C-alpha atoms as a PDB file:
ATOM      1  CA  MET A   1      90.306 117.984  64.877  1.00  0.00           C
ATOM      2  CA  LEU A   2      91.052 114.927  65.827  1.00  0.00           C
ATOM      3  CA  SER A   3      88.813 113.128  67.682  1.00  0.00           C
ATOM      4  CA  GLU A   4      90.766 112.194  71.061  1.00  0.00           C
ATOM      5  CA  ILE A   5      91.409 116.393  71.317  1.00  0.00           C
ATOM      6  CA  ALA A   6      87.734 116.551  71.684  1.00  0.00           C
ATOM      7  CA  ALA A   7      86.882 113.675  73.369  1.00  0.00           C
ATOM      8  CA  ARG A   8      90.197 114.064  76.210  1.00  0.00           C
ATOM      9  CA  CYS A   9      88.941 114.642  79.781  1.00  0.00           C
ATOM     10  CA  SER A  10      90.537 114.264  83.031  1.00  0.00           C
ATOM     11  CA  CYS A  11      89.621 111.045  85.117  1.00  0.00           C
ATOM     12  CA  ARG A  12      89.664 111.672  88.954  1.00  0.00           C
ATOM     13  CA  SER A  13      88.224 108.060  89.969  1.00  0.00           C
ATOM     14  CA  TYR A  14      88.682 104.815  87.944  1.00  0.00           C
ATOM     15  CA  LEU A  15      87.420 101.000  87.875  1.00  0.00           C
ATOM     16  CA  PRO A  16      89.285  98.207  88.569  1.00  0.00           C
ATOM     17  CA  ASP A  17      89.184  96.871  85.497  1.00  0.00           C
ATOM     18  CA  PRO A  18      92.994  95.762  84.377  1.00  0.00           C
ATOM     19  CA  VAL A  19      94.763  97.578  81.158  1.00  0.00           C
ATOM     20  CA  SER A  20      96.580  95.306  78.547  1.00  0.00           C
ATOM     21  CA  LYS A  21     100.339  95.724  78.405  1.00  0.00           C
ATOM     22  CA  ASP A  22      99.216  96.310  74.665  1.00  0.00           C
ATOM     23  CA  ALA A  23      97.114  99.209  75.083  1.00  0.00           C
ATOM     24  CA  ILE A  24     100.305 100.780  77.793  1.00  0.00           C
ATOM     25  CA  LEU A  25     102.692 100.279  75.063  1.00  0.00           C
ATOM     26  CA  ARG A  26     100.744 101.919  72.736  1.00  0.00           C
ATOM     27  CA  VAL A  27     100.225 105.115  75.413  1.00  0.00           C
ATOM     28  CA  LEU A  28     103.774 104.988  75.747  1.00  0.00           C
ATOM     29  CA  GLY A  29     104.717 104.471  72.208  1.00  0.00           C
ATOM     30  CA  ALA A  30     102.974 108.063  71.377  1.00  0.00           C
ATOM     31  CA  GLY A  31     105.040 109.824  73.804  1.00  0.00           C
ATOM     32  CA  CYS A  32     108.034 108.713  72.386  1.00  0.00           C
ATOM     33  CA  GLN A  33     107.075 109.751  69.155  1.00  0.00           C
ATOM     34  CA  ALA A  34     106.635 113.419  69.936  1.00  0.00           C
ATOM     35  CA  PRO A  35     109.005 115.708  69.025  1.00  0.00           C
ATOM     36  CA  SER A  36     111.708 117.188  71.480  1.00  0.00           C
ATOM     37  CA  GLY A  37     114.249 120.144  71.040  1.00  0.00           C
ATOM     38  CA  ALA A  38     117.943 118.725  69.125  1.00  0.00           C
ATOM     39  CA  ASN A  39     115.829 115.411  68.998  1.00  0.00           C
ATOM     40  CA  GLN A  40     117.138 114.687  72.726  1.00  0.00           C
ATOM     41  CA  GLN A  41     114.118 112.851  73.274  1.00  0.00           C
ATOM     42  CA  PRO A  42     114.775 113.522  77.151  1.00  0.00           C
ATOM     43  CA  TRP A  43     112.019 111.793  78.969  1.00  0.00           C
ATOM     44  CA  HIS A  44     111.649 108.285  80.409  1.00  0.00           C
ATOM     45  CA  MET A  45     108.621 106.716  81.315  1.00  0.00           C
ATOM     46  CA  VAL A  46     108.206 104.412  84.906  1.00  0.00           C
ATOM     47  CA  VAL A  47     105.086 101.866  84.175  1.00  0.00           C
ATOM     48  CA  ILE A  48     104.037 101.576  87.912  1.00  0.00           C
ATOM     49  CA  ASP A  49     101.245  98.514  88.050  1.00  0.00           C
ATOM     50  CA  ASP A  50     102.599  97.186  91.209  1.00  0.00           C
ATOM     51  CA  PRO A  51     100.278  97.550  93.973  1.00  0.00           C
ATOM     52  CA  GLU A  52     102.714  98.264  96.820  1.00  0.00           C
ATOM     53  CA  LEU A  53     104.675 100.514  94.799  1.00  0.00           C
ATOM     54  CA  LYS A  54     101.432 102.283  93.981  1.00  0.00           C
ATOM     55  CA  ALA A  55     100.576 102.755  97.591  1.00  0.00           C
ATOM     56  CA  LYS A  56     104.305 103.818  98.651  1.00  0.00           C
ATOM     57  CA  THR A  57     103.981 106.393  95.574  1.00  0.00           C
ATOM     58  CA  ARG A  58     100.696 107.505  96.722  1.00  0.00           C
ATOM     59  CA  GLN A  59     102.369 107.901 100.162  1.00  0.00           C
ATOM     60  CA  ALA A  60     105.164 109.746  98.951  1.00  0.00           C
ATOM     61  CA  CYS A  61     102.861 112.193  96.723  1.00  0.00           C
ATOM     62  CA  GLU A  62     100.308 112.709  99.688  1.00  0.00           C
ATOM     63  CA  ALA A  63     103.025 113.823 101.871  1.00  0.00           C
ATOM     64  CA  ARG A  64     104.499 116.552  99.755  1.00  0.00           C
ATOM     65  CA  GLU A  65     100.966 117.759  99.057  1.00  0.00           C
ATOM     66  CA  HIS A  66     100.441 118.728 103.162  1.00  0.00           C
ATOM     67  CA  VAL A  67     103.316 120.800 102.577  1.00  0.00           C
ATOM     68  CA  PHE A  68     101.958 121.817  99.061  1.00  0.00           C
ATOM     69  CA  HIS A  69      97.927 122.617 100.680  1.00  0.00           C
ATOM     70  CA  ASP A  70      99.557 124.513 104.184  1.00  0.00           C
ATOM     71  CA  ASN A  71     101.406 126.818 101.864  1.00  0.00           C
ATOM     72  CA  VAL A  72      99.394 127.801  98.568  1.00  0.00           C
ATOM     73  CA  SER A  73      97.455 131.122  98.936  1.00  0.00           C
ATOM     74  CA  GLU A  74      93.957 132.078 100.391  1.00  0.00           C
ATOM     75  CA  GLU A  75      92.769 132.328  96.987  1.00  0.00           C
ATOM     76  CA  ILE A  76      93.889 128.976  95.820  1.00  0.00           C
ATOM     77  CA  ARG A  77      93.013 127.313  99.160  1.00  0.00           C
ATOM     78  CA  GLN A  78      89.383 128.821  98.491  1.00  0.00           C
ATOM     79  CA  TRP A  79      89.075 127.726  94.881  1.00  0.00           C
ATOM     80  CA  MET A  80      90.660 123.944  96.119  1.00  0.00           C
ATOM     81  CA  ILE A  81      88.058 123.707  98.512  1.00  0.00           C
ATOM     82  CA  GLU A  82      85.249 124.753  95.992  1.00  0.00           C
ATOM     83  CA  HIS A  83      87.113 121.980  93.872  1.00  0.00           C
ATOM     84  CA  GLY A  84      87.280 119.026  96.284  1.00  0.00           C
ATOM     85  CA  ILE A  85      90.819 119.000  95.930  1.00  0.00           C
ATOM     86  CA  THR A  86      92.180 117.682  98.626  1.00  0.00           C
ATOM     87  CA  THR A  87      95.866 116.019 100.115  1.00  0.00           C
ATOM     88  CA  ALA A  88      94.147 112.775  99.711  1.00  0.00           C
ATOM     89  CA  LYS A  89      95.188 111.263  96.431  1.00  0.00           C
ATOM     90  CA  PRO A  90      93.082 107.588  96.013  1.00  0.00           C
ATOM     91  CA  LEU A  91      93.405 107.659  92.326  1.00  0.00           C
ATOM     92  CA  LEU A  92      97.011 106.829  92.391  1.00  0.00           C
ATOM     93  CA  THR A  93      96.109 103.438  94.096  1.00  0.00           C
ATOM     94  CA  GLU A  94      93.156 103.278  92.237  1.00  0.00           C
ATOM     95  CA  ALA A  95      93.936 103.400  89.044  1.00  0.00           C
ATOM     96  CA  PRO A  96      95.068  99.833  88.023  1.00  0.00           C
ATOM     97  CA  VAL A  97      98.259 101.501  86.321  1.00  0.00           C
ATOM     98  CA  LEU A  98     100.658 104.763  86.715  1.00  0.00           C
ATOM     99  CA  ILE A  99     102.799 106.009  84.035  1.00  0.00           C
ATOM    100  CA  ALA A 100     105.451 108.571  86.048  1.00  0.00           C
ATOM    101  CA  VAL A 101     107.340 110.914  83.721  1.00  0.00           C
ATOM    102  CA  PHE A 102     110.919 111.840  84.114  1.00  0.00           C
ATOM    103  CA  TYR A 103     112.978 113.705  82.314  1.00  0.00           C
ATOM    104  CA  ASP A 104     116.450 115.071  81.956  1.00  0.00           C
ATOM    105  CA  PRO A 105     116.450 119.034  82.645  1.00  0.00           C
ATOM    106  CA  LYS A 106     119.961 119.670  81.170  1.00  0.00           C
ATOM    107  CA  ALA A 107     118.687 118.196  77.809  1.00  0.00           C
ATOM    108  CA  PRO A 108     117.748 121.026  75.492  1.00  0.00           C
ATOM    109  CA  TYR A 109     114.313 122.730  75.491  1.00  0.00           C
ATOM    110  CA  ALA A 110     113.546 119.083  77.876  1.00  0.00           C
ATOM    111  CA  LEU A 111     110.435 120.648  79.651  1.00  0.00           C
ATOM    112  CA  HIS A 112     108.632 121.755  77.050  1.00  0.00           C
ATOM    113  CA  SER A 113     109.964 118.342  74.898  1.00  0.00           C
ATOM    114  CA  VAL A 114     108.216 116.458  78.078  1.00  0.00           C
ATOM    115  CA  TRP A 115     104.778 117.950  78.511  1.00  0.00           C
ATOM    116  CA  ILE A 116     104.835 117.882  74.296  1.00  0.00           C
ATOM    117  CA  ALA A 117     105.363 113.955  74.995  1.00  0.00           C
ATOM    118  CA  ILE A 118     102.628 113.839  77.583  1.00  0.00           C
ATOM    119  CA  GLY A 119     100.248 115.067  75.304  1.00  0.00           C
ATOM    120  CA  PHE A 120     100.461 112.882  72.831  1.00  0.00           C
ATOM    121  CA  MET A 121      99.879 109.796  75.488  1.00  0.00           C
ATOM    122  CA  LEU A 122      96.936 111.949  76.873  1.00  0.00           C
ATOM    123  CA  LEU A 123      95.398 111.636  73.249  1.00  0.00           C
ATOM    124  CA  GLN A 124      96.910 107.593  72.600  1.00  0.00           C
ATOM    125  CA  ALA A 125      95.212 107.189  76.235  1.00  0.00           C
ATOM    126  CA  THR A 126      91.775 108.517  74.622  1.00  0.00           C
ATOM    127  CA  ARG A 127      91.853 106.617  71.706  1.00  0.00           C
ATOM    128  CA  GLU A 128      92.498 103.192  74.045  1.00  0.00           C
ATOM    129  CA  GLY A 129      89.208 104.490  75.698  1.00  0.00           C
ATOM    130  CA  LEU A 130      91.219 105.094  79.029  1.00  0.00           C
ATOM    131  CA  GLY A 131      91.271 107.773  81.057  1.00  0.00           C
ATOM    132  CA  THR A 132      93.665 109.733  83.076  1.00  0.00           C
ATOM    133  CA  LEU A 133      95.187 112.793  83.828  1.00  0.00           C
ATOM    134  CA  THR A 134      98.153 115.386  84.674  1.00  0.00           C
ATOM    135  CA  TYR A 135      99.054 114.968  88.213  1.00  0.00           C
ATOM    136  CA  THR A 136     102.305 116.799  88.923  1.00  0.00           C
ATOM    137  CA  PRO A 137     102.659 116.278  92.750  1.00  0.00           C
ATOM    138  CA  SER A 138     104.971 119.194  94.393  1.00  0.00           C
ATOM    139  CA  ALA A 139     108.284 117.172  94.179  1.00  0.00           C
ATOM    140  CA  PRO A 140     107.466 113.812  96.199  1.00  0.00           C
ATOM    141  CA  ASP A 141     110.669 112.010  97.047  1.00  0.00           C
ATOM    142  CA  LEU A 142     110.123 109.056  94.285  1.00  0.00           C
ATOM    143  CA  LYS A 143     113.778 108.671  93.022  1.00  0.00           C
ATOM    144  CA  GLY A 144     114.941 105.993  95.295  1.00  0.00           C
ATOM    145  CA  LEU A 145     111.170 104.312  95.380  1.00  0.00           C
ATOM    146  CA  LEU A 146     111.630 104.050  91.707  1.00  0.00           C
ATOM    147  CA  SER A 147     115.372 103.789  91.202  1.00  0.00           C
ATOM    148  CA  ILE A 148     115.760 106.921  89.097  1.00  0.00           C
ATOM    149  CA  PRO A 149     118.941 108.302  88.087  1.00  0.00           C
ATOM    150  CA  ALA A 150     119.998 112.142  90.487  1.00  0.00           C
ATOM    151  CA  ASN A 151     119.796 113.962  87.189  1.00  0.00           C
ATOM    152  CA  PHE A 152     116.484 113.303  86.298  1.00  0.00           C
ATOM    153  CA  GLN A 153     112.846 114.835  87.439  1.00  0.00           C
ATOM    154  CA  LEU A 154     109.404 114.511  87.970  1.00  0.00           C
ATOM    155  CA  ALA A 155     107.234 116.545  85.307  1.00  0.00           C
ATOM    156  CA  ALA A 156     103.891 114.260  86.285  1.00  0.00           C
ATOM    157  CA  ILE A 157     102.437 111.109  87.054  1.00  0.00           C
ATOM    158  CA  LEU A 158      99.636 110.088  84.455  1.00  0.00           C
ATOM    159  CA  PRO A 159      96.900 107.133  86.191  1.00  0.00           C
ATOM    160  CA  LEU A 160      95.552 104.916  83.460  1.00  0.00           C
ATOM    161  CA  GLY A 161      92.554 103.280  83.473  1.00  0.00           C
ATOM    162  CA  ARG A 162      88.645 103.287  82.613  1.00  0.00           C
ATOM    163  CA  CYS A 163      87.251 106.221  84.281  1.00  0.00           C
ATOM    164  CA  LYS A 164      84.571 105.668  86.560  1.00  0.00           C
ATOM    165  CA  ASN A 165      82.670 108.882  86.066  1.00  0.00           C
ATOM    166  CA  PRO A 166      83.822 110.565  82.613  1.00  0.00           C
ATOM    167  CA  SER A 167      83.039 114.132  82.379  1.00  0.00           C
ATOM    168  CA  GLN A 168      84.341 116.935  80.663  1.00  0.00           C
ATOM    169  CA  GLN A 169      84.800 120.704  82.212  1.00  0.00           C
ATOM    170  CA  PRO A 170      83.861 123.403  80.027  1.00  0.00           C
ATOM    171  CA  ARG A 171      86.409 125.308  77.920  1.00  0.00           C
ATOM    172  CA  LYS A 172      86.629 128.485  77.876  1.00  0.00           C
ATOM    173  CA  PRO A 173      85.344 130.241  74.349  1.00  0.00           C
ATOM    174  CA  ALA A 174      87.975 130.724  71.641  1.00  0.00           C
ATOM    175  CA  GLN A 175      87.362 134.328  71.436  1.00  0.00           C
ATOM    176  CA  GLU A 176      88.817 134.491  75.180  1.00  0.00           C
ATOM    177  CA  THR A 177      91.899 132.936  74.536  1.00  0.00           C
ATOM    178  CA  GLN A 178      92.796 133.639  70.895  1.00  0.00           C
ATOM    179  CA  SER A 179      94.299 136.693  69.232  1.00  0.00           C
ATOM    180  CA  TRP A 180      95.420 137.540  65.747  1.00  0.00           C
ATOM    181  CA  ASN A 181      98.737 139.514  65.127  1.00  0.00           C
ATOM    182  CA  ARG A 182      98.225 141.326  68.538  1.00  0.00           C
ATOM    183  CA  PHE A 183      97.059 140.162  72.242  1.00  0.00           C
ATOM    184  CA  GLY A 184      92.763 140.897  72.805  1.00  0.00           C
ATOM    185  CA  GLN A 185      92.800 141.460  68.684  1.00  0.00           C
ATOM    186  CA  GLN A 186      90.108 138.987  66.722  1.00  0.00           C
ATOM    187  CA  GLY A 187      90.949 137.927  63.393  1.00  0.00           C
END
């Protein structure tokens, strides 16, 4: 297993240390190397490092988070409370860089392809010594803010920076997530 796979963790708070342009370009480059359906490479990544633009991105995301949080089931609401998940997204202004990952949903296997690209970017960020996570906001209106063509959709926003408090979440044992030949059958 690649060491980056075992070392990767989701980062929700960031140090103010700048991220080098070279590191950002390597993270973007990793995403661009991902396989995609019919080799359409349906993704487009927008790097956001302007503080004002990050603040407006956060504002748009938090507005949509209120709508999402108001409409979740009681079970999910309790889970979010237990895990400290609120509508506030300070990581969007705290992280030195945001990478907004968009995709063209009309491309073959577009959603599958863009998530493989995001996975590659997560691993490269770990290799660079940077923290990130896959923040999937509930359809914020970022198209006008970031000049995104109408046909593209947001897949995720990846905050990028040095993690303030890195910690890995426990993983389920393999026998709970894997089967051989039939669901639930162990190898």
